[in-house]
Each structure stands twice: as structure tokens, then as C-alpha cells.
Amino acid sequence: MSSSISVFTSVISVVLVIFSAVLHEIAHGWVAYKLGDPTAKRAGRLTLNPAAHLDPFGSVILPLIMAVAGGPIFAFAKPVPYDPRNLRHPRRDELLVALAGPACNFLQAIAGALLFDLLYDALTPSLALLGYGPAFWLLRILYIYMYVNLVLAFFNLIPLPPLDGSTIISPLLSGIAREKYYQIQRYSLPVLLIVLYALPMLFSVDPLGAYLEATAGNMAALLMGL
């Protein structure tokens, strides 16, 4: 693949990650609203306007760094505010609110895969005749859209704050187990930084990459077989 195609692919990936991360956060707020908490709606966060959701580091700088580094690209938008005290069934509903973001990414991934599958046969003649023409880029965008949403979904399921996985797992624990988990959470940010940057740079060990390949990579292959 030429360098110009690689650069354009990275740009497309960053744009799609930002778009998908925004929908991820809207899903959290929308489910919270449906379960009794209007906090996100009152804060103007149930909107597709990206300006309401973008975080300068998590939505722009981080995905650009990941694109330059050549690894999986992910991002996060500003967390949607919500007040669990407004939820009708707090213990159950907190879990549903947390699951809403990854579920939204899984739905986007499935939609991207279905569109890819529907269009592939129709566009194959154009691929053969025109090479890197509009048909190539349309299919490539749909594939990237599917894959980045799988990466976002599985990345957010990691059980460390501020990721959704921490909110999903904590209601399932009780007693000493929950207390120990809360103690571990205090060190979550250093752990994330070590996993994301220190281990790959210093020791050429990439547990996050291996995890995403085993989850997002395998599910992408499964969806492409639809």
C-alpha cells in the first residue's frame, strides 16, 4: 500500500473513531434518560453535535498518536453526566447505562459489516476496473468503521476506570471482593498508561494489542463471514 493511501486510511480511521466515540457517549446518556435520569438531556449531551462531546486529548490527540504509532486506534469523548440517584432501579440501571456504550459500538460494527456485505458484490466489477477508485474507498471506509467500533467496544469493556468495564463489573461484586476491587481502581490510570505505552515501548510487549486482536480481530473476521 502506498504512503498516500496509508495516510488517508489513518485520517479516515481517526474521523470514524471520533464519530463512533460520540455515539458511544450519546448512548450512555440516552439509556440513562430512558431509565429516569434527565441529567445528560439537561446538559445538552443528547445531541449529534460533536462540539458537545469532544475531549481535546481523548477525542483528537490520542487517536492521532495511535494512528502515527500504527497500532489500533481508539478514542474517548467527554463522559456524559448522569446522576444514578435518579435511576428507577439504581443497581440494575447503572449496569444498563454502562453497557449502553459498548452495545452501541457493537451495533455500529454490525451495521458496517452488513453494508459491506451488501455492497461488495455490486462493487467488485468497479474494483477490478478502477483499482483505488470510489468503490475501493467506500468498502474500505465500511470495513474501518466496523473494525474501529469493535476496538472501542472491547477496549471500553476492560474493567479499569474510567472505562465502562469498571462500572459493569462492580455491581457484580460484594463484600471483600468489592472492597478489594475499589482498592485496585485507585491505581487504574497508571496501569492503563503502563499497558498502553510503557510495555510496548520498553519491552516490546503489547498485552492490549494481543487482547484486541483476540477480541476485535476475531470478531471482525467473523462479521466479514456474514
C-alpha atoms as a PDB file:
ATOM      1  CA  MET A   1       0.000   0.000   0.000  1.00  0.00           C
ATOM      2  CA  SER A   2       1.397   3.417  -0.965  1.00  0.00           C
ATOM      3  CA  SER A   3       2.190   6.031   1.669  1.00  0.00           C
ATOM      4  CA  SER A   4      -0.592   8.343   0.435  1.00  0.00           C
ATOM      5  CA  ILE A   5      -3.182   5.572   0.809  1.00  0.00           C
ATOM      6  CA  SER A   6      -1.808   4.721   4.260  1.00  0.00           C
ATOM      7  CA  VAL A   7      -2.046   8.371   5.377  1.00  0.00           C
ATOM      8  CA  PHE A   8      -5.571   8.714   4.030  1.00  0.00           C
ATOM      9  CA  THR A   9      -6.564   5.484   5.760  1.00  0.00           C
ATOM     10  CA  SER A  10      -5.226   6.843   9.075  1.00  0.00           C
ATOM     11  CA  VAL A  11      -7.183  10.078   8.621  1.00  0.00           C
ATOM     12  CA  ILE A  12     -10.385   8.152   7.858  1.00  0.00           C
ATOM     13  CA  SER A  13      -9.779   5.930  10.888  1.00  0.00           C
ATOM     14  CA  VAL A  14      -9.411   8.928  13.227  1.00  0.00           C
ATOM     15  CA  VAL A  15     -12.588  10.576  11.888  1.00  0.00           C
ATOM     16  CA  LEU A  16     -14.582   7.344  12.248  1.00  0.00           C
ATOM     17  CA  VAL A  17     -13.239   6.726  15.755  1.00  0.00           C
ATOM     18  CA  ILE A  18     -14.298  10.228  16.825  1.00  0.00           C
ATOM     19  CA  PHE A  19     -17.766   9.774  15.308  1.00  0.00           C
ATOM     20  CA  SER A  20     -18.187   6.357  16.919  1.00  0.00           C
ATOM     21  CA  ALA A  21     -16.973   7.600  20.323  1.00  0.00           C
ATOM     22  CA  VAL A  22     -19.540  10.420  20.200  1.00  0.00           C
ATOM     23  CA  LEU A  23     -22.359   7.928  19.521  1.00  0.00           C
ATOM     24  CA  HIS A  24     -20.981   5.785  22.360  1.00  0.00           C
ATOM     25  CA  GLU A  25     -21.426   8.642  24.839  1.00  0.00           C
ATOM     26  CA  ILE A  26     -24.841   9.610  23.495  1.00  0.00           C
ATOM     27  CA  ALA A  27     -25.953   6.013  24.061  1.00  0.00           C
ATOM     28  CA  HIS A  28     -24.972   6.241  27.737  1.00  0.00           C
ATOM     29  CA  GLY A  29     -26.984   9.436  28.170  1.00  0.00           C
ATOM     30  CA  TRP A  30     -29.994   8.228  26.189  1.00  0.00           C
ATOM     31  CA  VAL A  31     -30.317   4.993  28.189  1.00  0.00           C
ATOM     32  CA  ALA A  32     -29.914   6.918  31.461  1.00  0.00           C
ATOM     33  CA  TYR A  33     -32.666   9.301  30.317  1.00  0.00           C
ATOM     34  CA  LYS A  34     -34.981   6.406  29.476  1.00  0.00           C
ATOM     35  CA  LEU A  35     -34.293   4.903  32.908  1.00  0.00           C
ATOM     36  CA  GLY A  36     -35.247   8.063  34.757  1.00  0.00           C
ATOM     37  CA  ASP A  37     -32.200  10.367  34.794  1.00  0.00           C
ATOM     38  CA  PRO A  38     -32.527  13.597  32.730  1.00  0.00           C
ATOM     39  CA  THR A  39     -29.030  14.905  33.621  1.00  0.00           C
ATOM     40  CA  ALA A  40     -27.486  14.329  30.183  1.00  0.00           C
ATOM     41  CA  LYS A  41     -30.510  15.785  28.374  1.00  0.00           C
ATOM     42  CA  ARG A  42     -30.459  18.924  30.555  1.00  0.00           C
ATOM     43  CA  ALA A  43     -26.719  19.275  29.889  1.00  0.00           C
ATOM     44  CA  GLY A  44     -27.332  19.230  26.127  1.00  0.00           C
ATOM     45  CA  ARG A  45     -25.452  15.982  25.636  1.00  0.00           C
ATOM     46  CA  LEU A  46     -28.129  14.032  23.750  1.00  0.00           C
ATOM     47  CA  THR A  47     -27.077  15.689  20.501  1.00  0.00           C
ATOM     48  CA  LEU A  48     -25.090  14.617  17.446  1.00  0.00           C
ATOM     49  CA  ASN A  49     -23.198  17.922  17.508  1.00  0.00           C
ATOM     50  CA  PRO A  50     -19.601  16.728  18.113  1.00  0.00           C
ATOM     51  CA  ALA A  51     -18.672  20.013  19.810  1.00  0.00           C
ATOM     52  CA  ALA A  52     -20.783  18.968  22.799  1.00  0.00           C
ATOM     53  CA  HIS A  53     -18.846  15.741  23.264  1.00  0.00           C
ATOM     54  CA  LEU A  54     -15.252  16.079  22.088  1.00  0.00           C
ATOM     55  CA  ASP A  55     -12.414  15.920  24.580  1.00  0.00           C
ATOM     56  CA  PRO A  56      -9.246  17.627  23.205  1.00  0.00           C
ATOM     57  CA  PHE A  57      -6.925  14.821  24.321  1.00  0.00           C
ATOM     58  CA  GLY A  58      -9.128  11.745  24.218  1.00  0.00           C
ATOM     59  CA  SER A  59     -11.040  12.590  21.026  1.00  0.00           C
ATOM     60  CA  VAL A  60      -8.299  14.164  18.903  1.00  0.00           C
ATOM     61  CA  ILE A  61      -4.736  13.911  20.232  1.00  0.00           C
ATOM     62  CA  LEU A  62      -4.889  10.293  21.450  1.00  0.00           C
ATOM     63  CA  PRO A  63      -6.296   8.799  18.202  1.00  0.00           C
ATOM     64  CA  LEU A  64      -3.771  10.822  16.184  1.00  0.00           C
ATOM     65  CA  ILE A  65      -0.933   9.433  18.336  1.00  0.00           C
ATOM     66  CA  MET A  66      -2.267   5.891  17.898  1.00  0.00           C
ATOM     67  CA  ALA A  67      -2.589   6.413  14.119  1.00  0.00           C
ATOM     68  CA  VAL A  68       1.022   7.604  13.872  1.00  0.00           C
ATOM     69  CA  ALA A  69       2.161   4.694  16.054  1.00  0.00           C
ATOM     70  CA  GLY A  70       0.461   2.290  13.671  1.00  0.00           C
ATOM     71  CA  GLY A  71      -1.454   0.328  16.299  1.00  0.00           C
ATOM     72  CA  PRO A  72      -5.190   0.006  16.976  1.00  0.00           C
ATOM     73  CA  ILE A  73      -6.855   3.417  17.046  1.00  0.00           C
ATOM     74  CA  PHE A  74      -9.238   4.289  19.845  1.00  0.00           C
ATOM     75  CA  ALA A  75     -10.543   7.447  21.475  1.00  0.00           C
ATOM     76  CA  PHE A  76     -12.919   8.675  24.136  1.00  0.00           C
ATOM     77  CA  ALA A  77     -15.300  11.605  24.272  1.00  0.00           C
ATOM     78  CA  LYS A  78     -16.212  13.604  27.364  1.00  0.00           C
ATOM     79  CA  PRO A  79     -18.181  11.303  29.675  1.00  0.00           C
ATOM     80  CA  VAL A  80     -21.903  12.013  29.634  1.00  0.00           C
ATOM     81  CA  PRO A  81     -23.009  13.256  33.064  1.00  0.00           C
ATOM     82  CA  TYR A  82     -25.663  11.313  34.875  1.00  0.00           C
ATOM     83  CA  ASP A  83     -26.925  11.002  38.428  1.00  0.00           C
ATOM     84  CA  PRO A  84     -27.525   7.380  39.477  1.00  0.00           C
ATOM     85  CA  ARG A  85     -29.790   8.619  42.276  1.00  0.00           C
ATOM     86  CA  ASN A  86     -32.395   9.434  39.611  1.00  0.00           C
ATOM     87  CA  LEU A  87     -32.439   5.903  38.214  1.00  0.00           C
ATOM     88  CA  ARG A  88     -35.575   3.928  38.985  1.00  0.00           C
ATOM     89  CA  HIS A  89     -33.662   0.745  39.843  1.00  0.00           C
ATOM     90  CA  PRO A  90     -30.116   2.002  40.596  1.00  0.00           C
ATOM     91  CA  ARG A  91     -28.230  -1.302  40.879  1.00  0.00           C
ATOM     92  CA  ARG A  92     -29.699  -2.751  37.677  1.00  0.00           C
ATOM     93  CA  ASP A  93     -29.897   0.528  35.754  1.00  0.00           C
ATOM     94  CA  GLU A  94     -26.271   1.510  36.404  1.00  0.00           C
ATOM     95  CA  LEU A  95     -25.272  -1.711  34.695  1.00  0.00           C
ATOM     96  CA  LEU A  96     -27.548  -0.965  31.719  1.00  0.00           C
ATOM     97  CA  VAL A  97     -26.183   2.571  31.380  1.00  0.00           C
ATOM     98  CA  ALA A  98     -22.625   1.244  31.398  1.00  0.00           C
ATOM     99  CA  LEU A  99     -23.427  -1.438  28.808  1.00  0.00           C
ATOM    100  CA  ALA A 100     -25.115   1.083  26.509  1.00  0.00           C
ATOM    101  CA  GLY A 101     -21.831   2.487  25.158  1.00  0.00           C
ATOM    102  CA  PRO A 102     -20.190  -0.810  24.130  1.00  0.00           C
ATOM    103  CA  ALA A 103     -23.565  -2.076  22.864  1.00  0.00           C
ATOM    104  CA  CYS A 104     -23.825   0.990  20.626  1.00  0.00           C
ATOM    105  CA  ASN A 105     -20.367   0.226  19.206  1.00  0.00           C
ATOM    106  CA  PHE A 106     -21.294  -3.409  18.573  1.00  0.00           C
ATOM    107  CA  LEU A 107     -24.436  -2.291  16.707  1.00  0.00           C
ATOM    108  CA  GLN A 108     -22.387   0.125  14.600  1.00  0.00           C
ATOM    109  CA  ALA A 109     -19.910  -2.655  13.798  1.00  0.00           C
ATOM    110  CA  ILE A 110     -22.702  -4.993  12.698  1.00  0.00           C
ATOM    111  CA  ALA A 111     -24.245  -2.232  10.549  1.00  0.00           C
ATOM    112  CA  GLY A 112     -20.870  -1.577   8.885  1.00  0.00           C
ATOM    113  CA  ALA A 113     -20.347  -5.286   8.190  1.00  0.00           C
ATOM    114  CA  LEU A 114     -23.853  -5.719   6.735  1.00  0.00           C
ATOM    115  CA  LEU A 115     -23.429  -2.714   4.425  1.00  0.00           C
ATOM    116  CA  PHE A 116     -20.017  -4.014   3.349  1.00  0.00           C
ATOM    117  CA  ASP A 117     -21.528  -7.408   2.561  1.00  0.00           C
ATOM    118  CA  LEU A 118     -24.490  -5.894   0.671  1.00  0.00           C
ATOM    119  CA  LEU A 119     -22.291  -3.656  -1.470  1.00  0.00           C
ATOM    120  CA  TYR A 120     -19.304  -5.908  -2.079  1.00  0.00           C
ATOM    121  CA  ASP A 121     -20.733  -7.993  -4.933  1.00  0.00           C
ATOM    122  CA  ALA A 122     -22.165  -4.926  -6.655  1.00  0.00           C
ATOM    123  CA  LEU A 123     -18.890  -3.009  -6.417  1.00  0.00           C
ATOM    124  CA  THR A 124     -16.494  -5.836  -7.291  1.00  0.00           C
ATOM    125  CA  PRO A 125     -16.508  -5.005 -11.052  1.00  0.00           C
ATOM    126  CA  SER A 126     -15.549  -1.411 -10.249  1.00  0.00           C
ATOM    127  CA  LEU A 127     -12.724  -2.638  -8.033  1.00  0.00           C
ATOM    128  CA  ALA A 128     -11.345  -4.719 -10.894  1.00  0.00           C
ATOM    129  CA  LEU A 129     -11.586  -1.875 -13.421  1.00  0.00           C
ATOM    130  CA  LEU A 130     -10.716   1.214 -11.364  1.00  0.00           C
ATOM    131  CA  GLY A 131      -8.436  -0.107  -8.614  1.00  0.00           C
ATOM    132  CA  TYR A 132      -8.216   2.536  -5.880  1.00  0.00           C
ATOM    133  CA  GLY A 133     -11.364   4.317  -7.031  1.00  0.00           C
ATOM    134  CA  PRO A 134     -14.584   5.288  -5.228  1.00  0.00           C
ATOM    135  CA  ALA A 135     -15.687   1.659  -4.842  1.00  0.00           C
ATOM    136  CA  PHE A 136     -12.417   0.762  -3.096  1.00  0.00           C
ATOM    137  CA  TRP A 137     -12.693   3.655  -0.677  1.00  0.00           C
ATOM    138  CA  LEU A 138     -16.367   3.057   0.109  1.00  0.00           C
ATOM    139  CA  LEU A 139     -15.688  -0.560   1.045  1.00  0.00           C
ATOM    140  CA  ARG A 140     -12.547   0.391   2.938  1.00  0.00           C
ATOM    141  CA  ILE A 141     -14.430   3.019   4.959  1.00  0.00           C
ATOM    142  CA  LEU A 142     -17.125   0.481   5.851  1.00  0.00           C
ATOM    143  CA  TYR A 143     -14.509  -2.057   6.952  1.00  0.00           C
ATOM    144  CA  ILE A 144     -12.646   0.530   9.057  1.00  0.00           C
ATOM    145  CA  TYR A 145     -15.955   1.683  10.554  1.00  0.00           C
ATOM    146  CA  MET A 146     -16.726  -1.889  11.581  1.00  0.00           C
ATOM    147  CA  TYR A 147     -13.271  -2.535  12.996  1.00  0.00           C
ATOM    148  CA  VAL A 148     -12.832   0.692  14.985  1.00  0.00           C
ATOM    149  CA  ASN A 149     -16.203   0.127  16.638  1.00  0.00           C
ATOM    150  CA  LEU A 150     -15.151  -3.352  17.697  1.00  0.00           C
ATOM    151  CA  VAL A 151     -11.922  -1.902  19.110  1.00  0.00           C
ATOM    152  CA  LEU A 152     -13.872   0.787  21.008  1.00  0.00           C
ATOM    153  CA  ALA A 153     -16.341  -1.774  22.364  1.00  0.00           C
ATOM    154  CA  PHE A 154     -13.756  -4.237  23.635  1.00  0.00           C
ATOM    155  CA  PHE A 155     -11.400  -1.522  24.882  1.00  0.00           C
ATOM    156  CA  ASN A 156     -14.195   0.011  26.957  1.00  0.00           C
ATOM    157  CA  LEU A 157     -15.033  -3.397  28.428  1.00  0.00           C
ATOM    158  CA  ILE A 158     -11.643  -3.521  30.190  1.00  0.00           C
ATOM    159  CA  PRO A 159     -12.558  -3.394  33.919  1.00  0.00           C
ATOM    160  CA  LEU A 160     -10.486  -0.341  34.857  1.00  0.00           C
ATOM    161  CA  PRO A 161     -11.794   3.204  35.439  1.00  0.00           C
ATOM    162  CA  PRO A 162     -12.712   5.356  33.631  1.00  0.00           C
ATOM    163  CA  LEU A 163     -13.683   2.591  31.183  1.00  0.00           C
ATOM    164  CA  ASP A 164     -17.186   1.128  31.149  1.00  0.00           C
ATOM    165  CA  GLY A 165     -15.959  -2.280  32.225  1.00  0.00           C
ATOM    166  CA  SER A 166     -15.317  -0.970  35.730  1.00  0.00           C
ATOM    167  CA  THR A 167     -18.963   0.092  36.095  1.00  0.00           C
ATOM    168  CA  ILE A 168     -20.143  -3.201  34.657  1.00  0.00           C
ATOM    169  CA  ILE A 169     -18.145  -5.414  36.999  1.00  0.00           C
ATOM    170  CA  SER A 170     -18.545  -3.511  40.294  1.00  0.00           C
ATOM    171  CA  PRO A 171     -22.303  -4.245  40.769  1.00  0.00           C
ATOM    172  CA  LEU A 172     -21.494  -7.942  40.367  1.00  0.00           C
ATOM    173  CA  LEU A 173     -19.165  -7.898  43.385  1.00  0.00           C
ATOM    174  CA  SER A 174     -19.972  -7.720  47.067  1.00  0.00           C
ATOM    175  CA  GLY A 175     -18.260  -7.686  50.438  1.00  0.00           C
ATOM    176  CA  ILE A 176     -14.476  -8.112  50.485  1.00  0.00           C
ATOM    177  CA  ALA A 177     -14.329  -8.660  46.717  1.00  0.00           C
ATOM    178  CA  ARG A 178     -15.871  -5.244  46.020  1.00  0.00           C
ATOM    179  CA  GLU A 179     -13.619  -3.567  48.614  1.00  0.00           C
ATOM    180  CA  LYS A 180     -10.502  -5.108  47.005  1.00  0.00           C
ATOM    181  CA  TYR A 181     -11.696  -4.045  43.566  1.00  0.00           C
ATOM    182  CA  TYR A 182     -12.154  -0.437  44.698  1.00  0.00           C
ATOM    183  CA  GLN A 183      -8.608  -0.507  46.083  1.00  0.00           C
ATOM    184  CA  ILE A 184      -7.280  -1.679  42.721  1.00  0.00           C
ATOM    185  CA  GLN A 185      -9.254   1.066  40.933  1.00  0.00           C
ATOM    186  CA  ARG A 186      -7.116   3.723  42.608  1.00  0.00           C
ATOM    187  CA  TYR A 187      -4.167   2.538  40.516  1.00  0.00           C
ATOM    188  CA  SER A 188      -6.096   2.178  37.267  1.00  0.00           C
ATOM    189  CA  LEU A 189      -4.680   5.217  35.469  1.00  0.00           C
ATOM    190  CA  PRO A 190      -1.019   4.223  35.996  1.00  0.00           C
ATOM    191  CA  VAL A 191      -1.907   0.670  34.965  1.00  0.00           C
ATOM    192  CA  LEU A 192      -3.531   1.915  31.752  1.00  0.00           C
ATOM    193  CA  LEU A 193      -0.549   4.122  30.922  1.00  0.00           C
ATOM    194  CA  ILE A 194       1.859   1.224  31.512  1.00  0.00           C
ATOM    195  CA  VAL A 195      -0.189  -1.135  29.328  1.00  0.00           C
ATOM    196  CA  LEU A 196      -0.727   1.433  26.568  1.00  0.00           C
ATOM    197  CA  TYR A 197       2.747   2.914  26.327  1.00  0.00           C
ATOM    198  CA  ALA A 198       5.463   1.652  28.692  1.00  0.00           C
ATOM    199  CA  LEU A 199       5.299  -2.098  27.989  1.00  0.00           C
ATOM    200  CA  PRO A 200       5.250  -1.799  24.165  1.00  0.00           C
ATOM    201  CA  MET A 201       7.984   0.876  24.101  1.00  0.00           C
ATOM    202  CA  LEU A 202      10.343  -0.561  26.711  1.00  0.00           C
ATOM    203  CA  PHE A 203       9.861  -4.314  26.439  1.00  0.00           C
ATOM    204  CA  SER A 204       8.137  -4.860  23.080  1.00  0.00           C
ATOM    205  CA  VAL A 205       5.278  -6.489  24.990  1.00  0.00           C
ATOM    206  CA  ASP A 206       1.809  -5.425  23.935  1.00  0.00           C
ATOM    207  CA  PRO A 207      -0.902  -7.077  26.068  1.00  0.00           C
ATOM    208  CA  LEU A 208      -3.521  -4.585  24.860  1.00  0.00           C
ATOM    209  CA  GLY A 209      -2.722  -5.340  21.228  1.00  0.00           C
ATOM    210  CA  ALA A 210      -2.937  -9.080  21.913  1.00  0.00           C
ATOM    211  CA  TYR A 211      -6.265  -8.620  23.713  1.00  0.00           C
ATOM    212  CA  LEU A 212      -7.730  -6.520  20.880  1.00  0.00           C
ATOM    213  CA  GLU A 213      -6.503  -8.973  18.257  1.00  0.00           C
ATOM    214  CA  ALA A 214      -8.091 -11.865  20.131  1.00  0.00           C
ATOM    215  CA  THR A 215     -11.393  -9.998  20.575  1.00  0.00           C
ATOM    216  CA  ALA A 216     -11.922  -7.254  17.970  1.00  0.00           C
ATOM    217  CA  GLY A 217      -9.766  -9.000  15.370  1.00  0.00           C
ATOM    218  CA  ASN A 218     -11.536 -12.343  15.639  1.00  0.00           C
ATOM    219  CA  MET A 219     -14.990 -10.765  15.728  1.00  0.00           C
ATOM    220  CA  ALA A 220     -14.126  -8.694  12.635  1.00  0.00           C
ATOM    221  CA  ALA A 221     -13.227 -11.891  10.815  1.00  0.00           C
ATOM    222  CA  LEU A 222     -16.500 -13.442  11.985  1.00  0.00           C
ATOM    223  CA  LEU A 223     -18.564 -10.462  10.789  1.00  0.00           C
ATOM    224  CA  MET A 224     -16.806 -10.452   7.443  1.00  0.00           C
ATOM    225  CA  GLY A 225     -18.014 -14.010   7.041  1.00  0.00           C
ATOM    226  CA  LEU A 226     -21.662 -12.990   7.280  1.00  0.00           C
END
